[in-house]
Amino acid sequence: MKRFVKAGLVLATALYLLILVNFILLKSLYVTDIGGKMAFVINRYYWDSHNFIPFKTITEYLLSDHIPLIIRIENLLGNIIGFVPFGFLLPSIMKKFYNWKRVLAATFALSLTFEMAQLVFRLGSFDVDDLILNTLGGVFGFFLYKLAVQIAKHLKNRLKES
């Protein structure tokens, strides 16, 4: 039974990562655009369209009146919520990720991979604040996992007592 559960979790993780790739990297990519995305661009406008300053975008979204509220909420919460499943699934499938610091490092590495792919292949814009928010989401997912484990243990003990 445990093997089936673990296989299901691995499959769910793979499916989740494919969905994440679709939402982050392929959101506006058409098959005809693939060739043009493989050329690395070195012009000032391109580099100026990215954010390399921590908390710049977060502050802008929190304090700006000219950006619609729904856009601000979708961007800030979307970056957090999008990585919560990663922080939840990772310790579910690998014991070495029972530690929040390892989940933090793994989530940061995954987010950095996505951000670098966006930068290099022009599949979006690099934003260091996305790294911060994504990593926060992964750590939050880890703590949700720990909470779920504690609740499951509690329920199991209560069933034994009955």
N, C-alpha and C. Protein backbone atom coordinates (compact mmCIF):
# COMPACT_ATOMS: atom_id res chain seq x y z
N MET A 1 0.82 -1.21 0.00
CA MET A 1 0.00 0.00 0.00
C MET A 1 0.87 1.27 0.00
N LYS A 2 1.94 1.26 0.81
CA LYS A 2 2.81 2.44 0.87
C LYS A 2 3.46 2.73 -0.48
N ARG A 3 3.79 1.67 -1.23
CA ARG A 3 4.40 1.87 -2.54
C ARG A 3 3.45 2.58 -3.50
N PHE A 4 2.17 2.23 -3.44
CA PHE A 4 1.18 2.86 -4.31
C PHE A 4 1.00 4.33 -3.94
N VAL A 5 0.99 4.60 -2.64
CA VAL A 5 0.86 5.98 -2.19
C VAL A 5 2.08 6.79 -2.64
N LYS A 6 3.27 6.24 -2.44
CA LYS A 6 4.49 6.94 -2.85
C LYS A 6 4.53 7.14 -4.36
N ALA A 7 4.14 6.11 -5.12
CA ALA A 7 4.10 6.24 -6.59
C ALA A 7 3.11 7.32 -6.99
N GLY A 8 1.98 7.37 -6.32
CA GLY A 8 0.98 8.41 -6.59
C GLY A 8 1.51 9.80 -6.29
N LEU A 9 2.26 9.93 -5.19
CA LEU A 9 2.85 11.22 -4.83
C LEU A 9 3.93 11.65 -5.83
N VAL A 10 4.73 10.68 -6.29
CA VAL A 10 5.74 11.00 -7.30
C VAL A 10 5.06 11.44 -8.59
N LEU A 11 4.02 10.73 -8.98
CA LEU A 11 3.27 11.10 -10.18
C LEU A 11 2.63 12.48 -10.03
N ALA A 12 2.06 12.74 -8.86
CA ALA A 12 1.46 14.05 -8.60
C ALA A 12 2.51 15.16 -8.67
N THR A 13 3.71 14.88 -8.16
CA THR A 13 4.80 15.86 -8.20
C THR A 13 5.22 16.14 -9.63
N ALA A 14 5.34 15.08 -10.43
CA ALA A 14 5.71 15.25 -11.84
C ALA A 14 4.65 16.06 -12.58
N LEU A 15 3.39 15.75 -12.34
CA LEU A 15 2.29 16.48 -12.97
C LEU A 15 2.30 17.94 -12.52
N TYR A 16 2.50 18.16 -11.24
CA TYR A 16 2.58 19.52 -10.71
C TYR A 16 3.71 20.31 -11.38
N LEU A 17 4.88 19.70 -11.53
CA LEU A 17 6.01 20.39 -12.15
C LEU A 17 5.73 20.71 -13.62
N LEU A 18 5.04 19.81 -14.31
CA LEU A 18 4.66 20.10 -15.70
C LEU A 18 3.69 21.28 -15.77
N ILE A 19 2.76 21.31 -14.86
CA ILE A 19 1.81 22.43 -14.80
C ILE A 19 2.55 23.74 -14.50
N LEU A 20 3.51 23.67 -13.58
CA LEU A 20 4.30 24.84 -13.24
C LEU A 20 5.09 25.34 -14.45
N VAL A 21 5.70 24.44 -15.19
CA VAL A 21 6.44 24.80 -16.41
C VAL A 21 5.49 25.50 -17.38
N ASN A 22 4.30 24.96 -17.53
CA ASN A 22 3.32 25.56 -18.44
C ASN A 22 2.93 26.97 -17.99
N PHE A 23 2.66 27.15 -16.70
CA PHE A 23 2.25 28.47 -16.20
C PHE A 23 3.38 29.49 -16.20
N ILE A 24 4.60 29.05 -15.93
CA ILE A 24 5.70 30.00 -15.80
C ILE A 24 6.43 30.23 -17.12
N LEU A 25 6.76 29.17 -17.81
CA LEU A 25 7.60 29.30 -19.00
C LEU A 25 6.84 29.33 -20.32
N LEU A 26 5.76 28.59 -20.40
CA LEU A 26 5.09 28.43 -21.69
C LEU A 26 3.77 29.19 -21.79
N LYS A 27 3.51 30.09 -20.86
CA LYS A 27 2.22 30.78 -20.79
C LYS A 27 1.85 31.54 -22.06
N SER A 28 2.83 32.07 -22.74
CA SER A 28 2.53 32.85 -23.94
C SER A 28 3.39 32.41 -25.13
N LEU A 29 3.79 31.16 -25.13
CA LEU A 29 4.68 30.67 -26.18
C LEU A 29 3.91 29.84 -27.19
N TYR A 30 4.10 30.17 -28.45
CA TYR A 30 3.53 29.39 -29.53
C TYR A 30 4.65 28.58 -30.18
N VAL A 31 4.30 27.47 -30.80
CA VAL A 31 5.30 26.60 -31.43
C VAL A 31 6.17 27.38 -32.41
N THR A 32 5.57 28.30 -33.12
CA THR A 32 6.32 29.09 -34.12
C THR A 32 7.33 30.03 -33.47
N ASP A 33 7.18 30.30 -32.17
CA ASP A 33 8.08 31.22 -31.46
C ASP A 33 9.32 30.54 -30.90
N ILE A 34 9.35 29.23 -30.87
CA ILE A 34 10.42 28.50 -30.19
C ILE A 34 11.80 28.87 -30.73
N GLY A 35 12.00 28.90 -32.02
CA GLY A 35 13.30 29.23 -32.61
C GLY A 35 13.80 30.59 -32.20
N GLY A 36 12.93 31.57 -32.17
CA GLY A 36 13.32 32.93 -31.80
C GLY A 36 13.68 33.07 -30.34
N LYS A 37 13.21 32.17 -29.51
CA LYS A 37 13.51 32.24 -28.08
C LYS A 37 14.87 31.66 -27.75
N MET A 38 15.49 30.98 -28.67
CA MET A 38 16.77 30.34 -28.40
C MET A 38 17.96 31.27 -28.61
N ALA A 39 17.72 32.47 -29.09
CA ALA A 39 18.81 33.43 -29.31
C ALA A 39 18.94 34.32 -28.08
N PHE A 40 20.10 34.35 -27.49
CA PHE A 40 20.35 35.17 -26.30
C PHE A 40 20.50 36.63 -26.74
N VAL A 41 19.75 37.50 -26.10
CA VAL A 41 19.71 38.90 -26.50
C VAL A 41 20.58 39.74 -25.56
N ILE A 42 21.36 40.63 -26.15
CA ILE A 42 22.16 41.54 -25.34
C ILE A 42 21.87 42.96 -25.80
N ASN A 43 20.74 43.49 -25.37
CA ASN A 43 20.48 44.90 -25.62
C ASN A 43 19.94 45.53 -24.33
N ARG A 44 20.16 46.80 -24.20
CA ARG A 44 19.85 47.49 -22.95
C ARG A 44 18.37 47.38 -22.57
N TYR A 45 17.48 47.55 -23.54
CA TYR A 45 16.05 47.48 -23.23
C TYR A 45 15.69 46.14 -22.61
N TYR A 46 16.22 45.07 -23.17
CA TYR A 46 15.89 43.74 -22.65
C TYR A 46 16.32 43.60 -21.19
N TRP A 47 17.52 44.02 -20.87
CA TRP A 47 18.01 43.88 -19.49
C TRP A 47 17.30 44.83 -18.54
N ASP A 48 16.85 45.98 -19.02
CA ASP A 48 16.13 46.92 -18.17
C ASP A 48 14.71 46.44 -17.85
N SER A 49 14.20 45.48 -18.59
CA SER A 49 12.83 45.01 -18.36
C SER A 49 12.76 43.95 -17.27
N HIS A 50 13.85 43.65 -16.62
CA HIS A 50 13.89 42.66 -15.54
C HIS A 50 14.15 43.35 -14.21
N ASN A 51 13.80 42.67 -13.12
CA ASN A 51 14.02 43.23 -11.79
C ASN A 51 15.07 42.42 -11.04
N PHE A 52 16.20 43.06 -10.75
CA PHE A 52 17.27 42.43 -10.00
C PHE A 52 17.40 43.03 -8.59
N ILE A 53 16.47 43.90 -8.22
CA ILE A 53 16.51 44.58 -6.91
C ILE A 53 15.48 43.93 -5.98
N PRO A 54 15.96 43.30 -4.89
CA PRO A 54 15.03 42.64 -3.96
C PRO A 54 13.98 43.59 -3.40
N PHE A 55 12.76 43.12 -3.34
CA PHE A 55 11.59 43.79 -2.78
C PHE A 55 11.09 44.97 -3.61
N LYS A 56 11.66 45.23 -4.76
CA LYS A 56 11.21 46.34 -5.60
C LYS A 56 9.78 46.08 -6.11
N THR A 57 9.56 44.93 -6.72
CA THR A 57 8.23 44.61 -7.25
C THR A 57 7.22 44.42 -6.13
N ILE A 58 7.63 43.75 -5.06
CA ILE A 58 6.73 43.51 -3.92
C ILE A 58 6.26 44.86 -3.37
N THR A 59 7.19 45.77 -3.15
CA THR A 59 6.84 47.10 -2.63
C THR A 59 5.93 47.84 -3.60
N GLU A 60 6.25 47.75 -4.89
CA GLU A 60 5.44 48.42 -5.91
C GLU A 60 4.00 47.90 -5.88
N TYR A 61 3.85 46.57 -5.78
CA TYR A 61 2.50 45.99 -5.76
C TYR A 61 1.76 46.33 -4.47
N LEU A 62 2.46 46.41 -3.36
CA LEU A 62 1.81 46.72 -2.09
C LEU A 62 1.41 48.18 -1.97
N LEU A 63 2.20 49.08 -2.55
CA LEU A 63 1.97 50.51 -2.35
C LEU A 63 1.38 51.26 -3.54
N SER A 64 1.35 50.63 -4.70
CA SER A 64 0.93 51.32 -5.91
C SER A 64 -0.58 51.45 -6.03
N ASP A 65 -1.01 52.62 -6.46
CA ASP A 65 -2.43 52.85 -6.73
C ASP A 65 -2.75 52.66 -8.20
N HIS A 66 -1.74 52.73 -9.07
CA HIS A 66 -2.01 52.67 -10.51
C HIS A 66 -2.09 51.23 -11.05
N ILE A 67 -1.78 50.24 -10.23
CA ILE A 67 -1.91 48.84 -10.65
C ILE A 67 -3.20 48.30 -10.03
N PRO A 68 -4.10 47.74 -10.86
CA PRO A 68 -5.36 47.23 -10.32
C PRO A 68 -5.13 46.21 -9.19
N LEU A 69 -5.98 46.27 -8.18
CA LEU A 69 -5.87 45.41 -7.00
C LEU A 69 -5.81 43.93 -7.38
N ILE A 70 -6.62 43.49 -8.31
CA ILE A 70 -6.66 42.08 -8.70
C ILE A 70 -5.31 41.64 -9.28
N ILE A 71 -4.66 42.51 -10.03
CA ILE A 71 -3.34 42.21 -10.60
C ILE A 71 -2.32 42.07 -9.48
N ARG A 72 -2.39 42.97 -8.52
CA ARG A 72 -1.45 42.92 -7.40
C ARG A 72 -1.64 41.65 -6.58
N ILE A 73 -2.88 41.30 -6.29
CA ILE A 73 -3.17 40.10 -5.51
C ILE A 73 -2.74 38.85 -6.27
N GLU A 74 -3.10 38.79 -7.55
CA GLU A 74 -2.72 37.62 -8.37
C GLU A 74 -1.21 37.44 -8.42
N ASN A 75 -0.48 38.53 -8.56
CA ASN A 75 0.97 38.42 -8.66
C ASN A 75 1.60 38.01 -7.35
N LEU A 76 1.25 38.69 -6.28
CA LEU A 76 1.87 38.39 -4.98
C LEU A 76 1.44 37.02 -4.46
N LEU A 77 0.14 36.79 -4.36
CA LEU A 77 -0.34 35.51 -3.84
C LEU A 77 -0.10 34.37 -4.82
N GLY A 78 -0.18 34.66 -6.10
CA GLY A 78 0.05 33.61 -7.10
C GLY A 78 1.45 33.04 -7.02
N ASN A 79 2.43 33.90 -6.80
CA ASN A 79 3.81 33.43 -6.67
C ASN A 79 4.01 32.61 -5.40
N ILE A 80 3.30 32.95 -4.36
CA ILE A 80 3.40 32.17 -3.12
C ILE A 80 2.64 30.85 -3.27
N ILE A 81 1.37 30.93 -3.64
CA ILE A 81 0.52 29.75 -3.73
C ILE A 81 1.03 28.75 -4.76
N GLY A 82 1.61 29.25 -5.84
CA GLY A 82 2.10 28.36 -6.89
C GLY A 82 3.17 27.39 -6.43
N PHE A 83 3.91 27.73 -5.37
CA PHE A 83 4.99 26.88 -4.89
C PHE A 83 4.66 26.16 -3.59
N VAL A 84 3.48 26.38 -3.02
CA VAL A 84 3.06 25.66 -1.82
C VAL A 84 3.04 24.15 -2.07
N PRO A 85 2.49 23.67 -3.20
CA PRO A 85 2.49 22.22 -3.42
C PRO A 85 3.90 21.61 -3.45
N PHE A 86 4.86 22.35 -3.95
CA PHE A 86 6.23 21.84 -4.00
C PHE A 86 6.74 21.59 -2.58
N GLY A 87 6.53 22.55 -1.70
CA GLY A 87 6.95 22.41 -0.31
C GLY A 87 6.21 21.32 0.43
N PHE A 88 5.00 21.02 0.00
CA PHE A 88 4.20 19.96 0.61
C PHE A 88 4.60 18.59 0.05
N LEU A 89 4.78 18.51 -1.25
CA LEU A 89 5.06 17.22 -1.90
C LEU A 89 6.48 16.73 -1.66
N LEU A 90 7.44 17.63 -1.62
CA LEU A 90 8.84 17.23 -1.50
C LEU A 90 9.10 16.36 -0.27
N PRO A 91 8.72 16.76 0.93
CA PRO A 91 8.95 15.88 2.07
C PRO A 91 8.06 14.63 2.04
N SER A 92 6.98 14.69 1.28
CA SER A 92 6.10 13.52 1.16
C SER A 92 6.77 12.39 0.39
N ILE A 93 7.68 12.74 -0.52
CA ILE A 93 8.29 11.69 -1.35
C ILE A 93 9.75 11.40 -0.99
N MET A 94 10.41 12.32 -0.27
CA MET A 94 11.82 12.09 0.09
C MET A 94 12.09 12.50 1.54
N LYS A 95 12.56 11.55 2.32
CA LYS A 95 12.82 11.80 3.75
C LYS A 95 13.86 12.89 3.99
N LYS A 96 14.81 13.04 3.07
CA LYS A 96 15.84 14.05 3.30
C LYS A 96 15.28 15.47 3.28
N PHE A 97 14.03 15.63 2.87
CA PHE A 97 13.39 16.94 2.85
C PHE A 97 12.42 17.12 4.02
N TYR A 98 12.64 16.39 5.12
CA TYR A 98 11.84 16.59 6.32
C TYR A 98 12.28 17.84 7.09
N ASN A 99 13.29 18.52 6.59
CA ASN A 99 13.87 19.69 7.22
C ASN A 99 13.46 20.93 6.41
N TRP A 100 12.96 21.96 7.08
CA TRP A 100 12.48 23.15 6.36
C TRP A 100 13.59 23.87 5.60
N LYS A 101 14.83 23.79 6.12
CA LYS A 101 15.93 24.47 5.44
C LYS A 101 16.23 23.80 4.10
N ARG A 102 16.10 22.50 4.04
CA ARG A 102 16.33 21.80 2.77
C ARG A 102 15.21 22.10 1.78
N VAL A 103 14.00 22.20 2.28
CA VAL A 103 12.88 22.57 1.41
C VAL A 103 13.07 23.99 0.91
N LEU A 104 13.52 24.88 1.78
CA LEU A 104 13.80 26.25 1.38
C LEU A 104 14.84 26.27 0.26
N ALA A 105 15.93 25.52 0.42
CA ALA A 105 16.99 25.50 -0.59
C ALA A 105 16.49 24.89 -1.90
N ALA A 106 15.72 23.81 -1.82
CA ALA A 106 15.20 23.17 -3.03
C ALA A 106 14.20 24.06 -3.75
N THR A 107 13.35 24.74 -2.99
CA THR A 107 12.37 25.64 -3.60
C THR A 107 13.07 26.83 -4.25
N PHE A 108 14.06 27.37 -3.57
CA PHE A 108 14.83 28.47 -4.14
C PHE A 108 15.51 28.03 -5.43
N ALA A 109 16.10 26.83 -5.43
CA ALA A 109 16.79 26.32 -6.63
C ALA A 109 15.81 26.13 -7.79
N LEU A 110 14.63 25.58 -7.51
CA LEU A 110 13.62 25.40 -8.56
C LEU A 110 13.18 26.75 -9.10
N SER A 111 12.90 27.69 -8.21
CA SER A 111 12.46 29.01 -8.64
C SER A 111 13.55 29.72 -9.43
N LEU A 112 14.79 29.60 -8.98
CA LEU A 112 15.91 30.21 -9.70
C LEU A 112 16.05 29.60 -11.10
N THR A 113 15.82 28.32 -11.21
CA THR A 113 15.86 27.65 -12.52
C THR A 113 14.81 28.25 -13.46
N PHE A 114 13.61 28.44 -12.95
CA PHE A 114 12.55 29.05 -13.76
C PHE A 114 12.89 30.49 -14.14
N GLU A 115 13.37 31.25 -13.18
CA GLU A 115 13.69 32.66 -13.44
C GLU A 115 14.83 32.77 -14.46
N MET A 116 15.84 31.92 -14.33
CA MET A 116 16.96 31.95 -15.28
C MET A 116 16.50 31.53 -16.68
N ALA A 117 15.62 30.55 -16.75
CA ALA A 117 15.08 30.13 -18.05
C ALA A 117 14.30 31.27 -18.69
N GLN A 118 13.53 32.00 -17.88
CA GLN A 118 12.81 33.15 -18.41
C GLN A 118 13.78 34.20 -18.94
N LEU A 119 14.85 34.43 -18.21
CA LEU A 119 15.84 35.42 -18.60
C LEU A 119 16.58 35.02 -19.87
N VAL A 120 17.11 33.82 -19.88
CA VAL A 120 17.95 33.37 -20.99
C VAL A 120 17.14 33.14 -22.27
N PHE A 121 15.98 32.52 -22.14
CA PHE A 121 15.20 32.16 -23.32
C PHE A 121 14.07 33.15 -23.62
N ARG A 122 14.05 34.28 -22.92
CA ARG A 122 13.03 35.30 -23.14
C ARG A 122 11.62 34.74 -23.07
N LEU A 123 11.35 33.98 -22.01
CA LEU A 123 10.04 33.36 -21.82
C LEU A 123 9.25 34.08 -20.72
N GLY A 124 9.59 35.28 -20.47
CA GLY A 124 8.99 36.07 -19.41
C GLY A 124 10.04 37.04 -18.92
N SER A 125 9.87 37.54 -17.73
CA SER A 125 10.88 38.45 -17.20
C SER A 125 11.41 37.93 -15.88
N PHE A 126 12.70 38.08 -15.69
CA PHE A 126 13.34 37.70 -14.44
C PHE A 126 12.94 38.71 -13.38
N ASP A 127 12.53 38.20 -12.22
CA ASP A 127 12.20 39.08 -11.10
C ASP A 127 12.69 38.43 -9.82
N VAL A 128 13.65 39.05 -9.17
CA VAL A 128 14.21 38.50 -7.94
C VAL A 128 13.12 38.37 -6.87
N ASP A 129 12.10 39.21 -6.93
CA ASP A 129 11.00 39.11 -5.97
C ASP A 129 10.19 37.83 -6.15
N ASP A 130 10.14 37.33 -7.38
CA ASP A 130 9.49 36.03 -7.61
C ASP A 130 10.24 34.94 -6.86
N LEU A 131 11.57 35.03 -6.83
CA LEU A 131 12.37 34.07 -6.07
C LEU A 131 11.99 34.10 -4.59
N ILE A 132 11.84 35.30 -4.06
CA ILE A 132 11.49 35.47 -2.65
C ILE A 132 10.10 34.89 -2.37
N LEU A 133 9.12 35.28 -3.20
CA LEU A 133 7.74 34.83 -2.98
C LEU A 133 7.59 33.33 -3.21
N ASN A 134 8.22 32.80 -4.26
CA ASN A 134 8.16 31.37 -4.55
C ASN A 134 8.75 30.56 -3.40
N THR A 135 9.90 31.02 -2.90
CA THR A 135 10.56 30.31 -1.81
C THR A 135 9.71 30.36 -0.54
N LEU A 136 9.10 31.49 -0.29
CA LEU A 136 8.18 31.61 0.84
C LEU A 136 7.03 30.61 0.70
N GLY A 137 6.51 30.48 -0.51
CA GLY A 137 5.43 29.52 -0.75
C GLY A 137 5.86 28.09 -0.49
N GLY A 138 7.07 27.72 -0.92
CA GLY A 138 7.57 26.37 -0.69
C GLY A 138 7.72 26.07 0.80
N VAL A 139 8.25 27.03 1.55
CA VAL A 139 8.41 26.85 2.99
C VAL A 139 7.04 26.76 3.67
N PHE A 140 6.11 27.58 3.22
CA PHE A 140 4.75 27.51 3.76
C PHE A 140 4.15 26.13 3.49
N GLY A 141 4.37 25.59 2.29
CA GLY A 141 3.90 24.25 1.96
C GLY A 141 4.50 23.20 2.87
N PHE A 142 5.79 23.36 3.20
CA PHE A 142 6.44 22.43 4.13
C PHE A 142 5.75 22.44 5.48
N PHE A 143 5.46 23.63 6.00
CA PHE A 143 4.80 23.71 7.30
C PHE A 143 3.37 23.17 7.24
N LEU A 144 2.71 23.31 6.11
CA LEU A 144 1.40 22.67 5.94
C LEU A 144 1.54 21.15 5.97
N TYR A 145 2.61 20.64 5.35
CA TYR A 145 2.89 19.21 5.38
C TYR A 145 3.08 18.74 6.82
N LYS A 146 3.91 19.46 7.58
CA LYS A 146 4.15 19.09 8.98
C LYS A 146 2.85 19.11 9.77
N LEU A 147 2.01 20.10 9.52
CA LEU A 147 0.71 20.19 10.20
C LEU A 147 -0.17 19.01 9.82
N ALA A 148 -0.19 18.66 8.54
CA ALA A 148 -0.99 17.52 8.07
C ALA A 148 -0.51 16.22 8.71
N VAL A 149 0.79 16.05 8.85
CA VAL A 149 1.35 14.86 9.49
C VAL A 149 0.91 14.80 10.95
N GLN A 150 0.96 15.93 11.65
CA GLN A 150 0.55 15.97 13.06
C GLN A 150 -0.95 15.66 13.20
N ILE A 151 -1.76 16.19 12.33
CA ILE A 151 -3.20 15.93 12.37
C ILE A 151 -3.47 14.45 12.08
N ALA A 152 -2.76 13.89 11.10
CA ALA A 152 -2.94 12.46 10.78
C ALA A 152 -2.54 11.59 11.96
N LYS A 153 -1.45 11.91 12.63
CA LYS A 153 -1.03 11.15 13.82
C LYS A 153 -2.08 11.25 14.93
N HIS A 154 -2.58 12.46 15.13
CA HIS A 154 -3.60 12.67 16.16
C HIS A 154 -4.85 11.85 15.86
N LEU A 155 -5.30 11.89 14.61
CA LEU A 155 -6.49 11.13 14.24
C LEU A 155 -6.25 9.63 14.37
N LYS A 156 -5.08 9.18 14.00
CA LYS A 156 -4.74 7.76 14.11
C LYS A 156 -4.76 7.31 15.57
N ASN A 157 -4.20 8.14 16.45
CA ASN A 157 -4.21 7.82 17.89
C ASN A 157 -5.63 7.81 18.45
N ARG A 158 -6.46 8.72 18.00
CA ARG A 158 -7.85 8.77 18.47
C ARG A 158 -8.62 7.55 18.00
N LEU A 159 -8.33 7.09 16.78
CA LEU A 159 -9.00 5.88 16.28
C LEU A 159 -8.58 4.65 17.07
N LYS A 160 -7.31 4.59 17.47
CA LYS A 160 -6.82 3.48 18.28
C LYS A 160 -7.49 3.44 19.65
N GLU A 161 -7.73 4.64 20.21
CA GLU A 161 -8.37 4.74 21.52
C GLU A 161 -9.83 4.33 21.50
N SER A 162 -10.47 4.47 20.36
CA SER A 162 -11.91 4.18 20.27
C SER A 162 -12.21 2.72 20.24
